[in-house]
Amino acid sequence: TEIFLLGFRDLEEAKFPFFVVSLLIYI
């Protein structure tokens, strides 16, 4: 009844820059 999404497991230290860039692109 519930699904777990694993996302980008290999980003590690780059996940915050990736988040910021993705957020800006989304805007």
mmCIF file of all heavy atoms, coordinates in Angstrom:
data_MODEL
# 
_entry.id   MODEL 
# 
loop_
_atom_site.group_PDB 
_atom_site.id 
_atom_site.type_symbol 
_atom_site.label_atom_id 
_atom_site.label_alt_id 
_atom_site.label_comp_id 
_atom_site.label_asym_id 
_atom_site.label_entity_id 
_atom_site.label_seq_id 
_atom_site.pdbx_PDB_ins_code 
_atom_site.Cartn_x 
_atom_site.Cartn_y 
_atom_site.Cartn_z 
_atom_site.occupancy 
_atom_site.B_iso_or_equiv 
_atom_site.pdbx_formal_charge 
_atom_site.auth_seq_id 
_atom_site.auth_comp_id 
_atom_site.auth_asym_id 
_atom_site.auth_atom_id 
_atom_site.pdbx_PDB_model_num 
ATOM 1   N N   . THR A 1 1  ? 0.828  -1.213 0.000   1.00 0.00 ? 1  THR A N   1 
ATOM 2   C CA  . THR A 1 1  ? 0.000  0.000  0.000   1.00 0.00 ? 1  THR A CA  1 
ATOM 3   C C   . THR A 1 1  ? 0.859  1.259  0.000   1.00 0.00 ? 1  THR A C   1 
ATOM 4   O O   . THR A 1 1  ? 0.344  2.364  -0.121  1.00 0.00 ? 1  THR A O   1 
ATOM 5   C CB  . THR A 1 1  ? -0.927 0.023  1.227   1.00 0.00 ? 1  THR A CB  1 
ATOM 6   O OG1 . THR A 1 1  ? -0.133 -0.021 2.417   1.00 0.00 ? 1  THR A OG1 1 
ATOM 7   C CG2 . THR A 1 1  ? -1.896 -1.150 1.194   1.00 0.00 ? 1  THR A CG2 1 
ATOM 8   N N   . GLU A 1 2  ? 2.169  1.057  0.163   1.00 0.00 ? 2  GLU A N   1 
ATOM 9   C CA  . GLU A 1 2  ? 3.096  2.181  0.251   1.00 0.00 ? 2  GLU A CA  1 
ATOM 10  C C   . GLU A 1 2  ? 4.331  1.889  -0.591  1.00 0.00 ? 2  GLU A C   1 
ATOM 11  O O   . GLU A 1 2  ? 4.828  0.761  -0.609  1.00 0.00 ? 2  GLU A O   1 
ATOM 12  C CB  . GLU A 1 2  ? 3.492  2.394  1.713   1.00 0.00 ? 2  GLU A CB  1 
ATOM 13  C CG  . GLU A 1 2  ? 4.169  3.714  2.001   1.00 0.00 ? 2  GLU A CG  1 
ATOM 14  C CD  . GLU A 1 2  ? 4.426  3.897  3.495   1.00 0.00 ? 2  GLU A CD  1 
ATOM 15  O OE1 . GLU A 1 2  ? 4.807  2.907  4.153   1.00 0.00 ? 2  GLU A OE1 1 
ATOM 16  O OE2 . GLU A 1 2  ? 4.265  5.023  3.993   1.00 0.00 ? 2  GLU A OE2 1 
ATOM 17  N N   . ILE A 1 3  ? 4.794  2.907  -1.305  1.00 0.00 ? 3  ILE A N   1 
ATOM 18  C CA  . ILE A 1 3  ? 5.971  2.789  -2.171  1.00 0.00 ? 3  ILE A CA  1 
ATOM 19  C C   . ILE A 1 3  ? 7.088  3.659  -1.622  1.00 0.00 ? 3  ILE A C   1 
ATOM 20  O O   . ILE A 1 3  ? 6.867  4.813  -1.244  1.00 0.00 ? 3  ILE A O   1 
ATOM 21  C CB  . ILE A 1 3  ? 5.646  3.213  -3.613  1.00 0.00 ? 3  ILE A CB  1 
ATOM 22  C CG1 . ILE A 1 3  ? 4.554  2.333  -4.214  1.00 0.00 ? 3  ILE A CG1 1 
ATOM 23  C CG2 . ILE A 1 3  ? 6.901  3.184  -4.483  1.00 0.00 ? 3  ILE A CG2 1 
ATOM 24  C CD1 . ILE A 1 3  ? 4.950  0.903  -4.464  1.00 0.00 ? 3  ILE A CD1 1 
ATOM 25  N N   . PHE A 1 4  ? 8.296  3.104  -1.591  1.00 0.00 ? 4  PHE A N   1 
ATOM 26  C CA  . PHE A 1 4  ? 9.478  3.870  -1.172  1.00 0.00 ? 4  PHE A CA  1 
ATOM 27  C C   . PHE A 1 4  ? 10.305 4.227  -2.407  1.00 0.00 ? 4  PHE A C   1 
ATOM 28  O O   . PHE A 1 4  ? 10.718 3.341  -3.160  1.00 0.00 ? 4  PHE A O   1 
ATOM 29  C CB  . PHE A 1 4  ? 10.321 3.061  -0.189  1.00 0.00 ? 4  PHE A CB  1 
ATOM 30  C CG  . PHE A 1 4  ? 9.725  2.950  1.171   1.00 0.00 ? 4  PHE A CG  1 
ATOM 31  C CD1 . PHE A 1 4  ? 8.872  1.891  1.473   1.00 0.00 ? 4  PHE A CD1 1 
ATOM 32  C CD2 . PHE A 1 4  ? 9.996  3.896  2.150   1.00 0.00 ? 4  PHE A CD2 1 
ATOM 33  C CE1 . PHE A 1 4  ? 8.309  1.782  2.737   1.00 0.00 ? 4  PHE A CE1 1 
ATOM 34  C CE2 . PHE A 1 4  ? 9.435  3.793  3.409   1.00 0.00 ? 4  PHE A CE2 1 
ATOM 35  C CZ  . PHE A 1 4  ? 8.586  2.734  3.705   1.00 0.00 ? 4  PHE A CZ  1 
ATOM 36  N N   . LEU A 1 5  ? 10.515 5.514  -2.606  1.00 0.00 ? 5  LEU A N   1 
ATOM 37  C CA  . LEU A 1 5  ? 11.357 5.998  -3.704  1.00 0.00 ? 5  LEU A CA  1 
ATOM 38  C C   . LEU A 1 5  ? 12.764 6.241  -3.167  1.00 0.00 ? 5  LEU A C   1 
ATOM 39  O O   . LEU A 1 5  ? 12.944 6.987  -2.202  1.00 0.00 ? 5  LEU A O   1 
ATOM 40  C CB  . LEU A 1 5  ? 10.773 7.290  -4.291  1.00 0.00 ? 5  LEU A CB  1 
ATOM 41  C CG  . LEU A 1 5  ? 9.387  7.181  -4.922  1.00 0.00 ? 5  LEU A CG  1 
ATOM 42  C CD1 . LEU A 1 5  ? 8.877  8.566  -5.326  1.00 0.00 ? 5  LEU A CD1 1 
ATOM 43  C CD2 . LEU A 1 5  ? 9.409  6.262  -6.135  1.00 0.00 ? 5  LEU A CD2 1 
ATOM 44  N N   . LEU A 1 6  ? 13.745 5.636  -3.806  1.00 0.00 ? 6  LEU A N   1 
ATOM 45  C CA  . LEU A 1 6  ? 15.124 5.716  -3.321  1.00 0.00 ? 6  LEU A CA  1 
ATOM 46  C C   . LEU A 1 6  ? 15.868 6.942  -3.824  1.00 0.00 ? 6  LEU A C   1 
ATOM 47  O O   . LEU A 1 6  ? 16.900 7.326  -3.267  1.00 0.00 ? 6  LEU A O   1 
ATOM 48  C CB  . LEU A 1 6  ? 15.888 4.443  -3.717  1.00 0.00 ? 6  LEU A CB  1 
ATOM 49  C CG  . LEU A 1 6  ? 15.277 3.131  -3.225  1.00 0.00 ? 6  LEU A CG  1 
ATOM 50  C CD1 . LEU A 1 6  ? 16.144 1.953  -3.655  1.00 0.00 ? 6  LEU A CD1 1 
ATOM 51  C CD2 . LEU A 1 6  ? 15.091 3.135  -1.719  1.00 0.00 ? 6  LEU A CD2 1 
ATOM 52  N N   . GLY A 1 7  ? 15.391 7.541  -4.902  1.00 0.00 ? 7  GLY A N   1 
ATOM 53  C CA  . GLY A 1 7  ? 15.994 8.778  -5.399  1.00 0.00 ? 7  GLY A CA  1 
ATOM 54  C C   . GLY A 1 7  ? 17.393 8.607  -5.951  1.00 0.00 ? 7  GLY A C   1 
ATOM 55  O O   . GLY A 1 7  ? 17.741 7.582  -6.526  1.00 0.00 ? 7  GLY A O   1 
ATOM 56  N N   . PHE A 1 8  ? 18.217 9.663  -5.744  1.00 0.00 ? 8  PHE A N   1 
ATOM 57  C CA  . PHE A 1 8  ? 19.599 9.670  -6.252  1.00 0.00 ? 8  PHE A CA  1 
ATOM 58  C C   . PHE A 1 8  ? 20.535 9.247  -5.118  1.00 0.00 ? 8  PHE A C   1 
ATOM 59  O O   . PHE A 1 8  ? 21.034 10.074 -4.364  1.00 0.00 ? 8  PHE A O   1 
ATOM 60  C CB  . PHE A 1 8  ? 19.977 11.063 -6.753  1.00 0.00 ? 8  PHE A CB  1 
ATOM 61  C CG  . PHE A 1 8  ? 19.074 11.597 -7.826  1.00 0.00 ? 8  PHE A CG  1 
ATOM 62  C CD1 . PHE A 1 8  ? 18.024 12.446 -7.502  1.00 0.00 ? 8  PHE A CD1 1 
ATOM 63  C CD2 . PHE A 1 8  ? 19.258 11.253 -9.154  1.00 0.00 ? 8  PHE A CD2 1 
ATOM 64  C CE1 . PHE A 1 8  ? 17.189 12.944 -8.488  1.00 0.00 ? 8  PHE A CE1 1 
ATOM 65  C CE2 . PHE A 1 8  ? 18.437 11.743 -10.148 1.00 0.00 ? 8  PHE A CE2 1 
ATOM 66  C CZ  . PHE A 1 8  ? 17.389 12.584 -9.809  1.00 0.00 ? 8  PHE A CZ  1 
ATOM 67  N N   . ARG A 1 9  ? 20.795 7.968  -5.016  1.00 0.00 ? 9  ARG A N   1 
ATOM 68  C CA  . ARG A 1 9  ? 21.601 7.460  -3.904  1.00 0.00 ? 9  ARG A CA  1 
ATOM 69  C C   . ARG A 1 9  ? 23.087 7.766  -4.062  1.00 0.00 ? 9  ARG A C   1 
ATOM 70  O O   . ARG A 1 9  ? 23.838 7.694  -3.093  1.00 0.00 ? 9  ARG A O   1 
ATOM 71  C CB  . ARG A 1 9  ? 21.389 5.957  -3.763  1.00 0.00 ? 9  ARG A CB  1 
ATOM 72  C CG  . ARG A 1 9  ? 19.990 5.592  -3.300  1.00 0.00 ? 9  ARG A CG  1 
ATOM 73  C CD  . ARG A 1 9  ? 19.845 4.104  -3.085  1.00 0.00 ? 9  ARG A CD  1 
ATOM 74  N NE  . ARG A 1 9  ? 19.950 3.365  -4.346  1.00 0.00 ? 9  ARG A NE  1 
ATOM 75  C CZ  . ARG A 1 9  ? 19.943 2.040  -4.411  1.00 0.00 ? 9  ARG A CZ  1 
ATOM 76  N NH1 . ARG A 1 9  ? 19.875 1.317  -3.315  1.00 0.00 ? 9  ARG A NH1 1 
ATOM 77  N NH2 . ARG A 1 9  ? 20.019 1.437  -5.589  1.00 0.00 ? 9  ARG A NH2 1 
ATOM 78  N N   . ASP A 1 10 ? 23.536 8.101  -5.253  1.00 0.00 ? 10 ASP A N   1 
ATOM 79  C CA  . ASP A 1 10 ? 24.967 8.306  -5.504  1.00 0.00 ? 10 ASP A CA  1 
ATOM 80  C C   . ASP A 1 10 ? 25.382 9.776  -5.475  1.00 0.00 ? 10 ASP A C   1 
ATOM 81  O O   . ASP A 1 10 ? 26.528 10.106 -5.763  1.00 0.00 ? 10 ASP A O   1 
ATOM 82  C CB  . ASP A 1 10 ? 25.363 7.708  -6.864  1.00 0.00 ? 10 ASP A CB  1 
ATOM 83  C CG  . ASP A 1 10 ? 25.140 6.201  -6.905  1.00 0.00 ? 10 ASP A CG  1 
ATOM 84  O OD1 . ASP A 1 10 ? 25.235 5.572  -5.832  1.00 0.00 ? 10 ASP A OD1 1 
ATOM 85  O OD2 . ASP A 1 10 ? 24.878 5.667  -7.994  1.00 0.00 ? 10 ASP A OD2 1 
ATOM 86  N N   . LEU A 1 11 ? 24.446 10.661 -5.137  1.00 0.00 ? 11 LEU A N   1 
ATOM 87  C CA  . LEU A 1 11 ? 24.793 12.085 -5.142  1.00 0.00 ? 11 LEU A CA  1 
ATOM 88  C C   . LEU A 1 11 ? 25.709 12.453 -3.972  1.00 0.00 ? 11 LEU A C   1 
ATOM 89  O O   . LEU A 1 11 ? 26.644 13.224 -4.121  1.00 0.00 ? 11 LEU A O   1 
ATOM 90  C CB  . LEU A 1 11 ? 23.520 12.935 -5.081  1.00 0.00 ? 11 LEU A CB  1 
ATOM 91  C CG  . LEU A 1 11 ? 22.747 13.092 -6.390  1.00 0.00 ? 11 LEU A CG  1 
ATOM 92  C CD1 . LEU A 1 11 ? 21.504 13.930 -6.174  1.00 0.00 ? 11 LEU A CD1 1 
ATOM 93  C CD2 . LEU A 1 11 ? 23.616 13.722 -7.466  1.00 0.00 ? 11 LEU A CD2 1 
ATOM 94  N N   . GLU A 1 12 ? 25.404 11.924 -2.776  1.00 0.00 ? 12 GLU A N   1 
ATOM 95  C CA  . GLU A 1 12 ? 26.189 12.154 -1.572  1.00 0.00 ? 12 GLU A CA  1 
ATOM 96  C C   . GLU A 1 12 ? 26.414 13.649 -1.321  1.00 0.00 ? 12 GLU A C   1 
ATOM 97  O O   . GLU A 1 12 ? 25.475 14.387 -1.067  1.00 0.00 ? 12 GLU A O   1 
ATOM 98  C CB  . GLU A 1 12 ? 27.527 11.401 -1.657  1.00 0.00 ? 12 GLU A CB  1 
ATOM 99  C CG  . GLU A 1 12 ? 27.355 9.891  -1.761  1.00 0.00 ? 12 GLU A CG  1 
ATOM 100 C CD  . GLU A 1 12 ? 28.667 9.154  -1.919  1.00 0.00 ? 12 GLU A CD  1 
ATOM 101 O OE1 . GLU A 1 12 ? 29.714 9.820  -2.017  1.00 0.00 ? 12 GLU A OE1 1 
ATOM 102 O OE2 . GLU A 1 12 ? 28.630 7.905  -1.938  1.00 0.00 ? 12 GLU A OE2 1 
ATOM 103 N N   . GLU A 1 13 ? 27.675 14.131 -1.427  1.00 0.00 ? 13 GLU A N   1 
ATOM 104 C CA  . GLU A 1 13 ? 27.970 15.530 -1.107  1.00 0.00 ? 13 GLU A CA  1 
ATOM 105 C C   . GLU A 1 13 ? 27.405 16.506 -2.128  1.00 0.00 ? 13 GLU A C   1 
ATOM 106 O O   . GLU A 1 13 ? 27.275 17.698 -1.844  1.00 0.00 ? 13 GLU A O   1 
ATOM 107 C CB  . GLU A 1 13 ? 29.486 15.724 -0.997  1.00 0.00 ? 13 GLU A CB  1 
ATOM 108 C CG  . GLU A 1 13 ? 30.121 14.951 0.143   1.00 0.00 ? 13 GLU A CG  1 
ATOM 109 C CD  . GLU A 1 13 ? 31.626 15.163 0.210   1.00 0.00 ? 13 GLU A CD  1 
ATOM 110 O OE1 . GLU A 1 13 ? 32.147 15.884 -0.658  1.00 0.00 ? 13 GLU A OE1 1 
ATOM 111 O OE2 . GLU A 1 13 ? 32.256 14.605 1.123   1.00 0.00 ? 13 GLU A OE2 1 
ATOM 112 N N   . ALA A 1 14 ? 27.067 16.032 -3.313  1.00 0.00 ? 14 ALA A N   1 
ATOM 113 C CA  . ALA A 1 14 ? 26.567 16.929 -4.365  1.00 0.00 ? 14 ALA A CA  1 
ATOM 114 C C   . ALA A 1 14 ? 25.065 17.123 -4.293  1.00 0.00 ? 14 ALA A C   1 
ATOM 115 O O   . ALA A 1 14 ? 24.496 17.828 -5.125  1.00 0.00 ? 14 ALA A O   1 
ATOM 116 C CB  . ALA A 1 14 ? 26.958 16.384 -5.740  1.00 0.00 ? 14 ALA A CB  1 
ATOM 117 N N   . LYS A 1 15 ? 24.395 16.516 -3.304  1.00 0.00 ? 15 LYS A N   1 
ATOM 118 C CA  . LYS A 1 15 ? 22.934 16.568 -3.296  1.00 0.00 ? 15 LYS A CA  1 
ATOM 119 C C   . LYS A 1 15 ? 22.399 17.978 -3.043  1.00 0.00 ? 15 LYS A C   1 
ATOM 120 O O   . LYS A 1 15 ? 21.375 18.365 -3.607  1.00 0.00 ? 15 LYS A O   1 
ATOM 121 C CB  . LYS A 1 15 ? 22.353 15.592 -2.275  1.00 0.00 ? 15 LYS A CB  1 
ATOM 122 C CG  . LYS A 1 15 ? 22.554 15.948 -0.826  1.00 0.00 ? 15 LYS A CG  1 
ATOM 123 C CD  . LYS A 1 15 ? 21.838 14.929 0.067   1.00 0.00 ? 15 LYS A CD  1 
ATOM 124 C CE  . LYS A 1 15 ? 21.932 15.315 1.535   1.00 0.00 ? 15 LYS A CE  1 
ATOM 125 N NZ  . LYS A 1 15 ? 21.217 14.349 2.392   1.00 0.00 ? 15 LYS A NZ  1 
ATOM 126 N N   . PHE A 1 16 ? 23.089 18.772 -2.203  1.00 0.00 ? 16 PHE A N   1 
ATOM 127 C CA  . PHE A 1 16 ? 22.592 20.125 -1.939  1.00 0.00 ? 16 PHE A CA  1 
ATOM 128 C C   . PHE A 1 16 ? 22.747 21.041 -3.155  1.00 0.00 ? 16 PHE A C   1 
ATOM 129 O O   . PHE A 1 16 ? 21.791 21.747 -3.510  1.00 0.00 ? 16 PHE A O   1 
ATOM 130 C CB  . PHE A 1 16 ? 23.292 20.730 -0.718  1.00 0.00 ? 16 PHE A CB  1 
ATOM 131 C CG  . PHE A 1 16 ? 22.718 22.062 -0.312  1.00 0.00 ? 16 PHE A CG  1 
ATOM 132 C CD1 . PHE A 1 16 ? 21.461 22.148 0.268   1.00 0.00 ? 16 PHE A CD1 1 
ATOM 133 C CD2 . PHE A 1 16 ? 23.429 23.231 -0.544  1.00 0.00 ? 16 PHE A CD2 1 
ATOM 134 C CE1 . PHE A 1 16 ? 20.922 23.382 0.630   1.00 0.00 ? 16 PHE A CE1 1 
ATOM 135 C CE2 . PHE A 1 16 ? 22.897 24.458 -0.197  1.00 0.00 ? 16 PHE A CE2 1 
ATOM 136 C CZ  . PHE A 1 16 ? 21.643 24.542 0.403   1.00 0.00 ? 16 PHE A CZ  1 
ATOM 137 N N   . PRO A 1 17 ? 23.917 21.063 -3.822  1.00 0.00 ? 17 PRO A N   1 
ATOM 138 C CA  . PRO A 1 17 ? 24.010 21.848 -5.065  1.00 0.00 ? 17 PRO A CA  1 
ATOM 139 C C   . PRO A 1 17 ? 23.005 21.389 -6.120  1.00 0.00 ? 17 PRO A C   1 
ATOM 140 O O   . PRO A 1 17 ? 22.418 22.217 -6.820  1.00 0.00 ? 17 PRO A O   1 
ATOM 141 C CB  . PRO A 1 17 ? 25.455 21.614 -5.524  1.00 0.00 ? 17 PRO A CB  1 
ATOM 142 C CG  . PRO A 1 17 ? 26.199 21.263 -4.299  1.00 0.00 ? 17 PRO A CG  1 
ATOM 143 C CD  . PRO A 1 17 ? 25.236 20.502 -3.445  1.00 0.00 ? 17 PRO A CD  1 
ATOM 144 N N   . PHE A 1 18 ? 22.811 20.076 -6.216  1.00 0.00 ? 18 PHE A N   1 
ATOM 145 C CA  . PHE A 1 18 ? 21.832 19.539 -7.164  1.00 0.00 ? 18 PHE A CA  1 
ATOM 146 C C   . PHE A 1 18 ? 20.425 20.022 -6.813  1.00 0.00 ? 18 PHE A C   1 
ATOM 147 O O   . PHE A 1 18 ? 19.640 20.388 -7.694  1.00 0.00 ? 18 PHE A O   1 
ATOM 148 C CB  . PHE A 1 18 ? 21.874 18.013 -7.150  1.00 0.00 ? 18 PHE A CB  1 
ATOM 149 C CG  . PHE A 1 18 ? 20.884 17.355 -8.076  1.00 0.00 ? 18 PHE A CG  1 
ATOM 150 C CD1 . PHE A 1 18 ? 21.133 17.258 -9.437  1.00 0.00 ? 18 PHE A CD1 1 
ATOM 151 C CD2 . PHE A 1 18 ? 19.689 16.846 -7.578  1.00 0.00 ? 18 PHE A CD2 1 
ATOM 152 C CE1 . PHE A 1 18 ? 20.217 16.664 -10.292 1.00 0.00 ? 18 PHE A CE1 1 
ATOM 153 C CE2 . PHE A 1 18 ? 18.762 16.255 -8.422  1.00 0.00 ? 18 PHE A CE2 1 
ATOM 154 C CZ  . PHE A 1 18 ? 19.034 16.153 -9.780  1.00 0.00 ? 18 PHE A CZ  1 
ATOM 155 N N   . PHE A 1 19 ? 20.115 20.056 -5.517  1.00 0.00 ? 19 PHE A N   1 
ATOM 156 C CA  . PHE A 1 19 ? 18.809 20.542 -5.059  1.00 0.00 ? 19 PHE A CA  1 
ATOM 157 C C   . PHE A 1 19 ? 18.613 22.010 -5.422  1.00 0.00 ? 19 PHE A C   1 
ATOM 158 O O   . PHE A 1 19 ? 17.559 22.397 -5.936  1.00 0.00 ? 19 PHE A O   1 
ATOM 159 C CB  . PHE A 1 19 ? 18.686 20.360 -3.539  1.00 0.00 ? 19 PHE A CB  1 
ATOM 160 C CG  . PHE A 1 19 ? 17.464 20.993 -2.943  1.00 0.00 ? 19 PHE A CG  1 
ATOM 161 C CD1 . PHE A 1 19 ? 16.255 20.331 -2.938  1.00 0.00 ? 19 PHE A CD1 1 
ATOM 162 C CD2 . PHE A 1 19 ? 17.537 22.269 -2.388  1.00 0.00 ? 19 PHE A CD2 1 
ATOM 163 C CE1 . PHE A 1 19 ? 15.121 20.912 -2.395  1.00 0.00 ? 19 PHE A CE1 1 
ATOM 164 C CE2 . PHE A 1 19 ? 16.415 22.869 -1.852  1.00 0.00 ? 19 PHE A CE2 1 
ATOM 165 C CZ  . PHE A 1 19 ? 15.202 22.191 -1.846  1.00 0.00 ? 19 PHE A CZ  1 
ATOM 166 N N   . VAL A 1 20 ? 19.618 22.829 -5.176  1.00 0.00 ? 20 VAL A N   1 
ATOM 167 C CA  . VAL A 1 20 ? 19.523 24.273 -5.444  1.00 0.00 ? 20 VAL A CA  1 
ATOM 168 C C   . VAL A 1 20 ? 19.341 24.543 -6.935  1.00 0.00 ? 20 VAL A C   1 
ATOM 169 O O   . VAL A 1 20 ? 18.477 25.328 -7.340  1.00 0.00 ? 20 VAL A O   1 
ATOM 170 C CB  . VAL A 1 20 ? 20.770 25.010 -4.906  1.00 0.00 ? 20 VAL A CB  1 
ATOM 171 C CG1 . VAL A 1 20 ? 20.758 26.473 -5.348  1.00 0.00 ? 20 VAL A CG1 1 
ATOM 172 C CG2 . VAL A 1 20 ? 20.834 24.902 -3.390  1.00 0.00 ? 20 VAL A CG2 1 
ATOM 173 N N   . VAL A 1 21 ? 20.157 23.875 -7.757  1.00 0.00 ? 21 VAL A N   1 
ATOM 174 C CA  . VAL A 1 21 ? 20.056 24.054 -9.210  1.00 0.00 ? 21 VAL A CA  1 
ATOM 175 C C   . VAL A 1 21 ? 18.687 23.606 -9.721  1.00 0.00 ? 21 VAL A C   1 
ATOM 176 O O   . VAL A 1 21 ? 18.049 24.293 -10.519 1.00 0.00 ? 21 VAL A O   1 
ATOM 177 C CB  . VAL A 1 21 ? 21.184 23.290 -9.939  1.00 0.00 ? 21 VAL A CB  1 
ATOM 178 C CG1 . VAL A 1 21 ? 20.968 23.318 -11.444 1.00 0.00 ? 21 VAL A CG1 1 
ATOM 179 C CG2 . VAL A 1 21 ? 22.538 23.888 -9.592  1.00 0.00 ? 21 VAL A CG2 1 
ATOM 180 N N   . SER A 1 22 ? 18.225 22.456 -9.236  1.00 0.00 ? 22 SER A N   1 
ATOM 181 C CA  . SER A 1 22 ? 16.919 21.928 -9.659  1.00 0.00 ? 22 SER A CA  1 
ATOM 182 C C   . SER A 1 22 ? 15.794 22.859 -9.236  1.00 0.00 ? 22 SER A C   1 
ATOM 183 O O   . SER A 1 22 ? 14.839 23.076 -9.992  1.00 0.00 ? 22 SER A O   1 
ATOM 184 C CB  . SER A 1 22 ? 16.696 20.536 -9.063  1.00 0.00 ? 22 SER A CB  1 
ATOM 185 O OG  . SER A 1 22 ? 17.681 19.633 -9.511  1.00 0.00 ? 22 SER A OG  1 
ATOM 186 N N   . LEU A 1 23 ? 15.892 23.408 -8.033  1.00 0.00 ? 23 LEU A N   1 
ATOM 187 C CA  . LEU A 1 23 ? 14.875 24.340 -7.541  1.00 0.00 ? 23 LEU A CA  1 
ATOM 188 C C   . LEU A 1 23 ? 14.830 25.606 -8.392  1.00 0.00 ? 23 LEU A C   1 
ATOM 189 O O   . LEU A 1 23 ? 13.744 26.086 -8.755  1.00 0.00 ? 23 LEU A O   1 
ATOM 190 C CB  . LEU A 1 23 ? 15.148 24.699 -6.079  1.00 0.00 ? 23 LEU A CB  1 
ATOM 191 C CG  . LEU A 1 23 ? 14.188 25.707 -5.433  1.00 0.00 ? 23 LEU A CG  1 
ATOM 192 C CD1 . LEU A 1 23 ? 12.756 25.178 -5.444  1.00 0.00 ? 23 LEU A CD1 1 
ATOM 193 C CD2 . LEU A 1 23 ? 14.637 26.045 -4.015  1.00 0.00 ? 23 LEU A CD2 1 
ATOM 194 N N   . LEU A 1 24 ? 15.997 26.136 -8.732  1.00 0.00 ? 24 LEU A N   1 
ATOM 195 C CA  . LEU A 1 24 ? 16.062 27.341 -9.565  1.00 0.00 ? 24 LEU A CA  1 
ATOM 196 C C   . LEU A 1 24 ? 15.484 27.071 -10.954 1.00 0.00 ? 24 LEU A C   1 
ATOM 197 O O   . LEU A 1 24 ? 14.740 27.906 -11.499 1.00 0.00 ? 24 LEU A O   1 
ATOM 198 C CB  . LEU A 1 24 ? 17.507 27.834 -9.680  1.00 0.00 ? 24 LEU A CB  1 
ATOM 199 C CG  . LEU A 1 24 ? 18.138 28.396 -8.394  1.00 0.00 ? 24 LEU A CG  1 
ATOM 200 C CD1 . LEU A 1 24 ? 19.606 28.720 -8.615  1.00 0.00 ? 24 LEU A CD1 1 
ATOM 201 C CD2 . LEU A 1 24 ? 17.382 29.632 -7.924  1.00 0.00 ? 24 LEU A CD2 1 
ATOM 202 N N   . ILE A 1 25 ? 15.809 25.916 -11.515 1.00 0.00 ? 25 ILE A N   1 
ATOM 203 C CA  . ILE A 1 25 ? 15.270 25.551 -12.827 1.00 0.00 ? 25 ILE A CA  1 
ATOM 204 C C   . ILE A 1 25 ? 13.755 25.414 -12.764 1.00 0.00 ? 25 ILE A C   1 
ATOM 205 O O   . ILE A 1 25 ? 13.033 25.859 -13.658 1.00 0.00 ? 25 ILE A O   1 
ATOM 206 C CB  . ILE A 1 25 ? 15.914 24.254 -13.339 1.00 0.00 ? 25 ILE A CB  1 
ATOM 207 C CG1 . ILE A 1 25 ? 17.391 24.486 -13.663 1.00 0.00 ? 25 ILE A CG1 1 
ATOM 208 C CG2 . ILE A 1 25 ? 15.194 23.735 -14.592 1.00 0.00 ? 25 ILE A CG2 1 
ATOM 209 C CD1 . ILE A 1 25 ? 18.139 23.238 -14.072 1.00 0.00 ? 25 ILE A CD1 1 
ATOM 210 N N   . TYR A 1 26 ? 13.252 24.808 -11.687 1.00 0.00 ? 26 TYR A N   1 
ATOM 211 C CA  . TYR A 1 26 ? 11.809 24.646 -11.512 1.00 0.00 ? 26 TYR A CA  1 
ATOM 212 C C   . TYR A 1 26 ? 11.112 25.999 -11.444 1.00 0.00 ? 26 TYR A C   1 
ATOM 213 O O   . TYR A 1 26 ? 10.038 26.195 -12.039 1.00 0.00 ? 26 TYR A O   1 
ATOM 214 C CB  . TYR A 1 26 ? 11.538 23.838 -10.252 1.00 0.00 ? 26 TYR A CB  1 
ATOM 215 C CG  . TYR A 1 26 ? 10.073 23.600 -9.976  1.00 0.00 ? 26 TYR A CG  1 
ATOM 216 C CD1 . TYR A 1 26 ? 9.232  23.083 -10.960 1.00 0.00 ? 26 TYR A CD1 1 
ATOM 217 C CD2 . TYR A 1 26 ? 9.528  23.882 -8.721  1.00 0.00 ? 26 TYR A CD2 1 
ATOM 218 C CE1 . TYR A 1 26 ? 7.893  22.852 -10.708 1.00 0.00 ? 26 TYR A CE1 1 
ATOM 219 C CE2 . TYR A 1 26 ? 8.187  23.655 -8.466  1.00 0.00 ? 26 TYR A CE2 1 
ATOM 220 C CZ  . TYR A 1 26 ? 7.378  23.143 -9.453  1.00 0.00 ? 26 TYR A CZ  1 
ATOM 221 O OH  . TYR A 1 26 ? 6.039  22.925 -9.201  1.00 0.00 ? 26 TYR A OH  1 
ATOM 222 N N   . ILE A 1 27 ? 11.732 26.953 -10.739 1.00 0.00 ? 27 ILE A N   1 
ATOM 223 C CA  . ILE A 1 27 ? 11.168 28.311 -10.660 1.00 0.00 ? 27 ILE A CA  1 
ATOM 224 C C   . ILE A 1 27 ? 11.128 28.956 -12.037 1.00 0.00 ? 27 ILE A C   1 
ATOM 225 O O   . ILE A 1 27 ? 10.144 29.611 -12.417 1.00 0.00 ? 27 ILE A O   1 
ATOM 226 C CB  . ILE A 1 27 ? 11.980 29.171 -9.668  1.00 0.00 ? 27 ILE A CB  1 
ATOM 227 C CG1 . ILE A 1 27 ? 11.800 28.641 -8.241  1.00 0.00 ? 27 ILE A CG1 1 
ATOM 228 C CG2 . ILE A 1 27 ? 11.551 30.636 -9.748  1.00 0.00 ? 27 ILE A CG2 1 
ATOM 229 C CD1 . ILE A 1 27 ? 12.719 29.290 -7.222  1.00 0.00 ? 27 ILE A CD1 1 
# 
